[in-house]
All heavy atoms as atom14 arrays in JSON, in Angstrom:
{
  "sequence": "PIKSEELLKTIKQGWERHRLEKLRQTNRELEQR",
  "atom14_mask": [
    [1, 1, 1, 1, 1, 1, 1, 0, 0, 0, 0, 0, 0, 0],
    [1, 1, 1, 1, 1, 1, 1, 1, 0, 0, 0, 0, 0, 0],
    [1, 1, 1, 1, 1, 1, 1, 1, 1, 0, 0, 0, 0, 0],
    [1, 1, 1, 1, 1, 1, 0, 0, 0, 0, 0, 0, 0, 0],
    [1, 1, 1, 1, 1, 1, 1, 1, 1, 0, 0, 0, 0, 0],
    [1, 1, 1, 1, 1, 1, 1, 1, 1, 0, 0, 0, 0, 0],
    [1, 1, 1, 1, 1, 1, 1, 1, 0, 0, 0, 0, 0, 0],
    [1, 1, 1, 1, 1, 1, 1, 1, 0, 0, 0, 0, 0, 0],
    [1, 1, 1, 1, 1, 1, 1, 1, 1, 0, 0, 0, 0, 0],
    [1, 1, 1, 1, 1, 1, 1, 0, 0, 0, 0, 0, 0, 0],
    [1, 1, 1, 1, 1, 1, 1, 1, 0, 0, 0, 0, 0, 0],
    [1, 1, 1, 1, 1, 1, 1, 1, 1, 0, 0, 0, 0, 0],
    [1, 1, 1, 1, 1, 1, 1, 1, 1, 0, 0, 0, 0, 0],
    [1, 1, 1, 1, 0, 0, 0, 0, 0, 0, 0, 0, 0, 0],
    [1, 1, 1, 1, 1, 1, 1, 1, 1, 1, 1, 1, 1, 1],
    [1, 1, 1, 1, 1, 1, 1, 1, 1, 0, 0, 0, 0, 0],
    [1, 1, 1, 1, 1, 1, 1, 1, 1, 1, 1, 0, 0, 0],
    [1, 1, 1, 1, 1, 1, 1, 1, 1, 1, 0, 0, 0, 0],
    [1, 1, 1, 1, 1, 1, 1, 1, 1, 1, 1, 0, 0, 0],
    [1, 1, 1, 1, 1, 1, 1, 1, 0, 0, 0, 0, 0, 0],
    [1, 1, 1, 1, 1, 1, 1, 1, 1, 0, 0, 0, 0, 0],
    [1, 1, 1, 1, 1, 1, 1, 1, 1, 0, 0, 0, 0, 0],
    [1, 1, 1, 1, 1, 1, 1, 1, 0, 0, 0, 0, 0, 0],
    [1, 1, 1, 1, 1, 1, 1, 1, 1, 1, 1, 0, 0, 0],
    [1, 1, 1, 1, 1, 1, 1, 1, 1, 0, 0, 0, 0, 0],
    [1, 1, 1, 1, 1, 1, 1, 0, 0, 0, 0, 0, 0, 0],
    [1, 1, 1, 1, 1, 1, 1, 1, 0, 0, 0, 0, 0, 0],
    [1, 1, 1, 1, 1, 1, 1, 1, 1, 1, 1, 0, 0, 0],
    [1, 1, 1, 1, 1, 1, 1, 1, 1, 0, 0, 0, 0, 0],
    [1, 1, 1, 1, 1, 1, 1, 1, 0, 0, 0, 0, 0, 0],
    [1, 1, 1, 1, 1, 1, 1, 1, 1, 0, 0, 0, 0, 0],
    [1, 1, 1, 1, 1, 1, 1, 1, 1, 0, 0, 0, 0, 0],
    [1, 1, 1, 1, 1, 1, 1, 1, 1, 1, 1, 0, 0, 0]
  ],
  "atom14_positions": [
    [[21.83, 72.73, 11.26], [21.45, 74.13, 11.07], [21.17, 74.81, 12.41], [20.63, 74.2, 13.33], [20.19, 74.05, 10.21], [19.6, 72.71, 10.53], [20.77, 71.8, 10.79], [0.0, 0.0, 0.0], [0.0, 0.0, 0.0], [0.0, 0.0, 0.0], [0.0, 0.0, 0.0], [0.0, 0.0, 0.0], [0.0, 0.0, 0.0], [0.0, 0.0, 0.0]],
    [[21.59, 76.07, 12.51], [21.5, 76.8, 13.77], [20.05, 77.24, 14.02], [19.42, 77.86, 13.17], [22.42, 78.03, 13.76], [23.86, 77.6, 13.43], [22.34, 78.76, 15.09], [24.47, 76.67, 14.44], [0.0, 0.0, 0.0], [0.0, 0.0, 0.0], [0.0, 0.0, 0.0], [0.0, 0.0, 0.0], [0.0, 0.0, 0.0], [0.0, 0.0, 0.0]],
    [[19.56, 76.92, 15.21], [18.23, 77.4, 15.63], [18.42, 78.61, 16.53], [19.24, 78.59, 17.44], [17.49, 76.3, 16.38], [17.2, 75.07, 15.54], [16.47, 74.01, 16.35], [16.19, 72.77, 15.51], [15.5, 71.72, 16.3], [0.0, 0.0, 0.0], [0.0, 0.0, 0.0], [0.0, 0.0, 0.0], [0.0, 0.0, 0.0], [0.0, 0.0, 0.0]],
    [[17.68, 79.66, 16.25], [17.84, 80.91, 16.99], [17.68, 80.72, 18.49], [18.45, 81.26, 19.29], [16.82, 81.95, 16.5], [17.02, 82.26, 15.14], [0.0, 0.0, 0.0], [0.0, 0.0, 0.0], [0.0, 0.0, 0.0], [0.0, 0.0, 0.0], [0.0, 0.0, 0.0], [0.0, 0.0, 0.0], [0.0, 0.0, 0.0], [0.0, 0.0, 0.0]],
    [[16.68, 79.92, 18.9], [16.43, 79.72, 20.32], [17.62, 79.05, 20.99], [18.05, 79.44, 22.09], [15.18, 78.88, 20.54], [13.88, 79.51, 20.05], [13.69, 79.36, 18.54], [14.53, 78.7, 17.89], [12.7, 79.92, 18.02], [0.0, 0.0, 0.0], [0.0, 0.0, 0.0], [0.0, 0.0, 0.0], [0.0, 0.0, 0.0], [0.0, 0.0, 0.0]],
    [[18.18, 78.04, 20.33], [19.32, 77.33, 20.89], [20.54, 78.24, 20.96], [21.29, 78.23, 21.95], [19.64, 76.1, 20.04], [20.82, 75.28, 20.57], [21.17, 74.13, 19.65], [20.56, 74.02, 18.57], [22.07, 73.35, 20.02], [0.0, 0.0, 0.0], [0.0, 0.0, 0.0], [0.0, 0.0, 0.0], [0.0, 0.0, 0.0], [0.0, 0.0, 0.0]],
    [[20.76, 79.02, 19.93], [21.89, 79.94, 19.9], [21.8, 80.95, 21.04], [22.78, 81.15, 21.78], [21.93, 80.68, 18.56], [22.98, 81.79, 18.44], [24.38, 81.23, 18.54], [22.79, 82.55, 17.12], [0.0, 0.0, 0.0], [0.0, 0.0, 0.0], [0.0, 0.0, 0.0], [0.0, 0.0, 0.0], [0.0, 0.0, 0.0], [0.0, 0.0, 0.0]],
    [[20.65, 81.59, 21.19], [20.49, 82.61, 22.22], [20.62, 82.01, 23.62], [21.21, 82.62, 24.52], [19.14, 83.3, 22.07], [18.96, 84.12, 20.78], [17.52, 84.6, 20.64], [19.92, 85.31, 20.76], [0.0, 0.0, 0.0], [0.0, 0.0, 0.0], [0.0, 0.0, 0.0], [0.0, 0.0, 0.0], [0.0, 0.0, 0.0], [0.0, 0.0, 0.0]],
    [[20.09, 80.81, 23.8], [20.19, 80.14, 25.11], [21.64, 79.82, 25.44], [22.09, 80.04, 26.58], [19.35, 78.86, 25.09], [19.39, 78.1, 26.41], [18.53, 76.84, 26.33], [18.61, 76.06, 27.63], [17.79, 74.81, 27.58], [0.0, 0.0, 0.0], [0.0, 0.0, 0.0], [0.0, 0.0, 0.0], [0.0, 0.0, 0.0], [0.0, 0.0, 0.0]],
    [[22.39, 79.32, 24.46], [23.79, 78.98, 24.69], [24.61, 80.21, 25.02], [25.45, 80.2, 25.92], [24.38, 78.28, 23.44], [23.63, 77.1, 23.16], [25.84, 77.9, 23.67], [0.0, 0.0, 0.0], [0.0, 0.0, 0.0], [0.0, 0.0, 0.0], [0.0, 0.0, 0.0], [0.0, 0.0, 0.0], [0.0, 0.0, 0.0], [0.0, 0.0, 0.0]],
    [[24.37, 81.3, 24.28], [25.11, 82.54, 24.54], [24.79, 83.08, 25.94], [25.7, 83.47, 26.69], [24.77, 83.6, 23.47], [25.36, 83.19, 22.13], [25.31, 84.97, 23.89], [24.98, 84.11, 20.99], [0.0, 0.0, 0.0], [0.0, 0.0, 0.0], [0.0, 0.0, 0.0], [0.0, 0.0, 0.0], [0.0, 0.0, 0.0], [0.0, 0.0, 0.0]],
    [[23.51, 83.08, 26.31], [23.11, 83.59, 27.62], [23.72, 82.77, 28.75], [24.28, 83.32, 29.71], [21.58, 83.59, 27.74], [21.08, 84.13, 29.06], [19.55, 84.13, 29.12], [19.07, 84.66, 30.47], [17.6, 84.67, 30.55], [0.0, 0.0, 0.0], [0.0, 0.0, 0.0], [0.0, 0.0, 0.0], [0.0, 0.0, 0.0], [0.0, 0.0, 0.0]],
    [[23.64, 81.43, 28.63], [24.2, 80.58, 29.67], [25.72, 80.71, 29.74], [26.29, 80.73, 30.83], [23.8, 79.12, 29.4], [22.33, 78.83, 29.6], [21.95, 77.4, 29.28], [22.68, 76.68, 28.57], [20.81, 76.96, 29.77], [0.0, 0.0, 0.0], [0.0, 0.0, 0.0], [0.0, 0.0, 0.0], [0.0, 0.0, 0.0], [0.0, 0.0, 0.0]],
    [[26.34, 80.78, 28.57], [27.8, 80.91, 28.54], [28.27, 82.21, 29.16], [29.24, 82.23, 29.93], [0.0, 0.0, 0.0], [0.0, 0.0, 0.0], [0.0, 0.0, 0.0], [0.0, 0.0, 0.0], [0.0, 0.0, 0.0], [0.0, 0.0, 0.0], [0.0, 0.0, 0.0], [0.0, 0.0, 0.0], [0.0, 0.0, 0.0], [0.0, 0.0, 0.0]],
    [[27.58, 83.29, 28.85], [27.98, 84.6, 29.39], [27.74, 84.67, 30.89], [28.54, 85.25, 31.63], [27.22, 85.7, 28.66], [27.65, 87.07, 29.08], [26.87, 88.04, 29.61], [28.96, 87.63, 28.98], [27.6, 89.17, 29.86], [28.89, 88.94, 29.48], [30.18, 87.13, 28.52], [30.01, 89.77, 29.55], [31.3, 87.96, 28.58], [31.2, 89.26, 29.09]],
    [[26.64, 84.07, 31.34], [26.35, 84.04, 32.78], [27.45, 83.27, 33.52], [27.95, 83.72, 34.56], [25.0, 83.38, 33.02], [24.5, 83.48, 34.43], [23.81, 84.8, 34.72], [23.7, 85.63, 33.81], [23.38, 84.99, 35.87], [0.0, 0.0, 0.0], [0.0, 0.0, 0.0], [0.0, 0.0, 0.0], [0.0, 0.0, 0.0], [0.0, 0.0, 0.0]],
    [[27.84, 82.14, 32.99], [28.9, 81.35, 33.61], [30.23, 82.08, 33.54], [31.0, 82.08, 34.5], [29.01, 80.0, 32.9], [30.14, 79.12, 33.4], [30.16, 77.81, 32.66], [31.37, 77.05, 32.94], [31.67, 75.89, 32.37], [30.84, 75.35, 31.5], [32.79, 75.26, 32.68], [0.0, 0.0, 0.0], [0.0, 0.0, 0.0], [0.0, 0.0, 0.0]],
    [[30.47, 82.73, 32.43], [31.71, 83.48, 32.24], [31.82, 84.61, 33.27], [32.88, 84.8, 33.9], [31.74, 84.07, 30.82], [33.0, 84.77, 30.46], [34.2, 84.12, 30.29], [33.25, 86.08, 30.23], [35.13, 85.0, 29.96], [34.58, 86.2, 29.93], [0.0, 0.0, 0.0], [0.0, 0.0, 0.0], [0.0, 0.0, 0.0], [0.0, 0.0, 0.0]],
    [[30.73, 85.35, 33.47], [30.74, 86.44, 34.45], [30.93, 85.91, 35.86], [31.64, 86.52, 36.68], [29.44, 87.24, 34.36], [29.32, 88.11, 33.14], [28.23, 89.14, 33.31], [26.94, 88.51, 33.59], [25.84, 89.18, 33.91], [25.89, 90.49, 34.04], [24.7, 88.55, 34.11], [0.0, 0.0, 0.0], [0.0, 0.0, 0.0], [0.0, 0.0, 0.0]],
    [[30.32, 84.77, 36.18], [30.44, 84.19, 37.5], [31.89, 83.79, 37.78], [32.42, 84.02, 38.88], [29.51, 82.98, 37.61], [29.48, 82.27, 38.97], [29.04, 83.24, 40.06], [28.53, 81.07, 38.91], [0.0, 0.0, 0.0], [0.0, 0.0, 0.0], [0.0, 0.0, 0.0], [0.0, 0.0, 0.0], [0.0, 0.0, 0.0], [0.0, 0.0, 0.0]],
    [[32.54, 83.19, 36.79], [33.94, 82.8, 36.97], [34.83, 84.02, 37.17], [35.76, 84.0, 37.99], [34.4, 82.0, 35.75], [33.77, 80.61, 35.67], [34.14, 79.87, 34.4], [34.78, 80.5, 33.51], [33.81, 78.68, 34.29], [0.0, 0.0, 0.0], [0.0, 0.0, 0.0], [0.0, 0.0, 0.0], [0.0, 0.0, 0.0], [0.0, 0.0, 0.0]],
    [[34.54, 85.11, 36.43], [35.33, 86.32, 36.59], [35.12, 86.93, 37.97], [36.07, 87.43, 38.6], [34.94, 87.33, 35.51], [35.35, 86.94, 34.11], [36.86, 86.89, 33.96], [37.49, 88.26, 34.1], [38.96, 88.2, 33.94], [0.0, 0.0, 0.0], [0.0, 0.0, 0.0], [0.0, 0.0, 0.0], [0.0, 0.0, 0.0], [0.0, 0.0, 0.0]],
    [[33.88, 86.89, 38.47], [33.61, 87.41, 39.8], [34.33, 86.6, 40.87], [34.87, 87.16, 41.84], [32.1, 87.4, 40.06], [31.29, 88.48, 39.34], [29.8, 88.23, 39.52], [31.64, 89.86, 39.89], [0.0, 0.0, 0.0], [0.0, 0.0, 0.0], [0.0, 0.0, 0.0], [0.0, 0.0, 0.0], [0.0, 0.0, 0.0], [0.0, 0.0, 0.0]],
    [[34.33, 85.29, 40.71], [35.04, 84.45, 41.67], [36.54, 84.73, 41.64], [37.2, 84.75, 42.69], [34.76, 82.97, 41.36], [33.34, 82.54, 41.73], [33.03, 81.15, 41.23], [31.72, 80.7, 41.68], [31.09, 79.63, 41.2], [31.65, 78.9, 40.25], [29.9, 79.3, 41.67], [0.0, 0.0, 0.0], [0.0, 0.0, 0.0], [0.0, 0.0, 0.0]],
    [[37.06, 84.93, 40.45], [38.49, 85.27, 40.33], [38.78, 86.61, 41.01], [39.77, 86.75, 41.73], [38.9, 85.32, 38.86], [40.36, 85.67, 38.65], [40.72, 85.77, 37.18], [39.95, 85.37, 36.3], [41.88, 86.31, 36.89], [0.0, 0.0, 0.0], [0.0, 0.0, 0.0], [0.0, 0.0, 0.0], [0.0, 0.0, 0.0], [0.0, 0.0, 0.0]],
    [[37.9, 87.6, 40.76], [38.08, 88.9, 41.4], [38.01, 88.78, 42.91], [38.79, 89.41, 43.64], [36.99, 89.88, 40.91], [37.09, 90.03, 39.5], [37.14, 91.24, 41.58], [0.0, 0.0, 0.0], [0.0, 0.0, 0.0], [0.0, 0.0, 0.0], [0.0, 0.0, 0.0], [0.0, 0.0, 0.0], [0.0, 0.0, 0.0], [0.0, 0.0, 0.0]],
    [[37.1, 87.94, 43.39], [36.97, 87.75, 44.82], [38.22, 87.12, 45.41], [38.69, 87.53, 46.49], [35.75, 86.88, 45.11], [35.42, 86.8, 46.58], [35.42, 87.81, 47.28], [35.15, 85.61, 47.07], [0.0, 0.0, 0.0], [0.0, 0.0, 0.0], [0.0, 0.0, 0.0], [0.0, 0.0, 0.0], [0.0, 0.0, 0.0], [0.0, 0.0, 0.0]],
    [[38.78, 86.13, 44.72], [40.02, 85.5, 45.2], [41.16, 86.52, 45.25], [41.96, 86.53, 46.2], [40.39, 84.31, 44.31], [39.48, 83.09, 44.47], [40.08, 81.88, 43.79], [40.18, 82.05, 42.36], [39.22, 81.67, 41.5], [38.11, 81.12, 41.95], [39.38, 81.83, 40.2], [0.0, 0.0, 0.0], [0.0, 0.0, 0.0], [0.0, 0.0, 0.0]],
    [[41.23, 87.35, 44.23], [42.28, 88.37, 44.2], [42.1, 89.38, 45.32], [43.08, 89.81, 45.94], [42.27, 89.07, 42.84], [42.7, 88.17, 41.69], [42.53, 88.83, 40.34], [41.95, 89.94, 40.29], [42.95, 88.23, 39.33], [0.0, 0.0, 0.0], [0.0, 0.0, 0.0], [0.0, 0.0, 0.0], [0.0, 0.0, 0.0], [0.0, 0.0, 0.0]],
    [[40.84, 89.76, 45.61], [40.58, 90.7, 46.69], [40.94, 90.09, 48.04], [41.51, 90.77, 48.92], [39.11, 91.12, 46.69], [38.71, 92.15, 45.63], [37.2, 92.3, 45.61], [39.37, 93.49, 45.91], [0.0, 0.0, 0.0], [0.0, 0.0, 0.0], [0.0, 0.0, 0.0], [0.0, 0.0, 0.0], [0.0, 0.0, 0.0], [0.0, 0.0, 0.0]],
    [[40.6, 88.82, 48.23], [40.94, 88.16, 49.48], [42.46, 88.1, 49.68], [42.96, 88.32, 50.78], [40.35, 86.75, 49.5], [38.83, 86.73, 49.65], [38.26, 85.33, 49.58], [38.99, 84.42, 49.14], [37.09, 85.14, 49.97], [0.0, 0.0, 0.0], [0.0, 0.0, 0.0], [0.0, 0.0, 0.0], [0.0, 0.0, 0.0], [0.0, 0.0, 0.0]],
    [[43.18, 87.79, 48.59], [44.64, 87.76, 48.67], [45.2, 89.15, 48.95], [46.12, 89.3, 49.76], [45.22, 87.22, 47.36], [46.74, 87.11, 47.34], [47.28, 86.17, 48.39], [46.67, 85.15, 48.7], [48.43, 86.5, 48.95], [0.0, 0.0, 0.0], [0.0, 0.0, 0.0], [0.0, 0.0, 0.0], [0.0, 0.0, 0.0], [0.0, 0.0, 0.0]],
    [[44.61, 90.16, 48.31], [45.07, 91.53, 48.55], [44.8, 91.95, 49.99], [45.62, 92.63, 50.61], [44.37, 92.48, 47.58], [44.82, 93.94, 47.67], [46.29, 94.1, 47.35], [46.58, 93.73, 45.99], [46.49, 94.55, 44.96], [46.11, 95.81, 45.14], [46.79, 94.13, 43.75], [0.0, 0.0, 0.0], [0.0, 0.0, 0.0], [0.0, 0.0, 0.0]]
  ]
}
């Protein structure tokens, strides 16, 4: 069964990591440009 605390923590950590990966990708593209 889903626990609210675990769900919110997973979403927050996942989104933080997701944004970081996108920023790194953007940075690589800018460096190449």
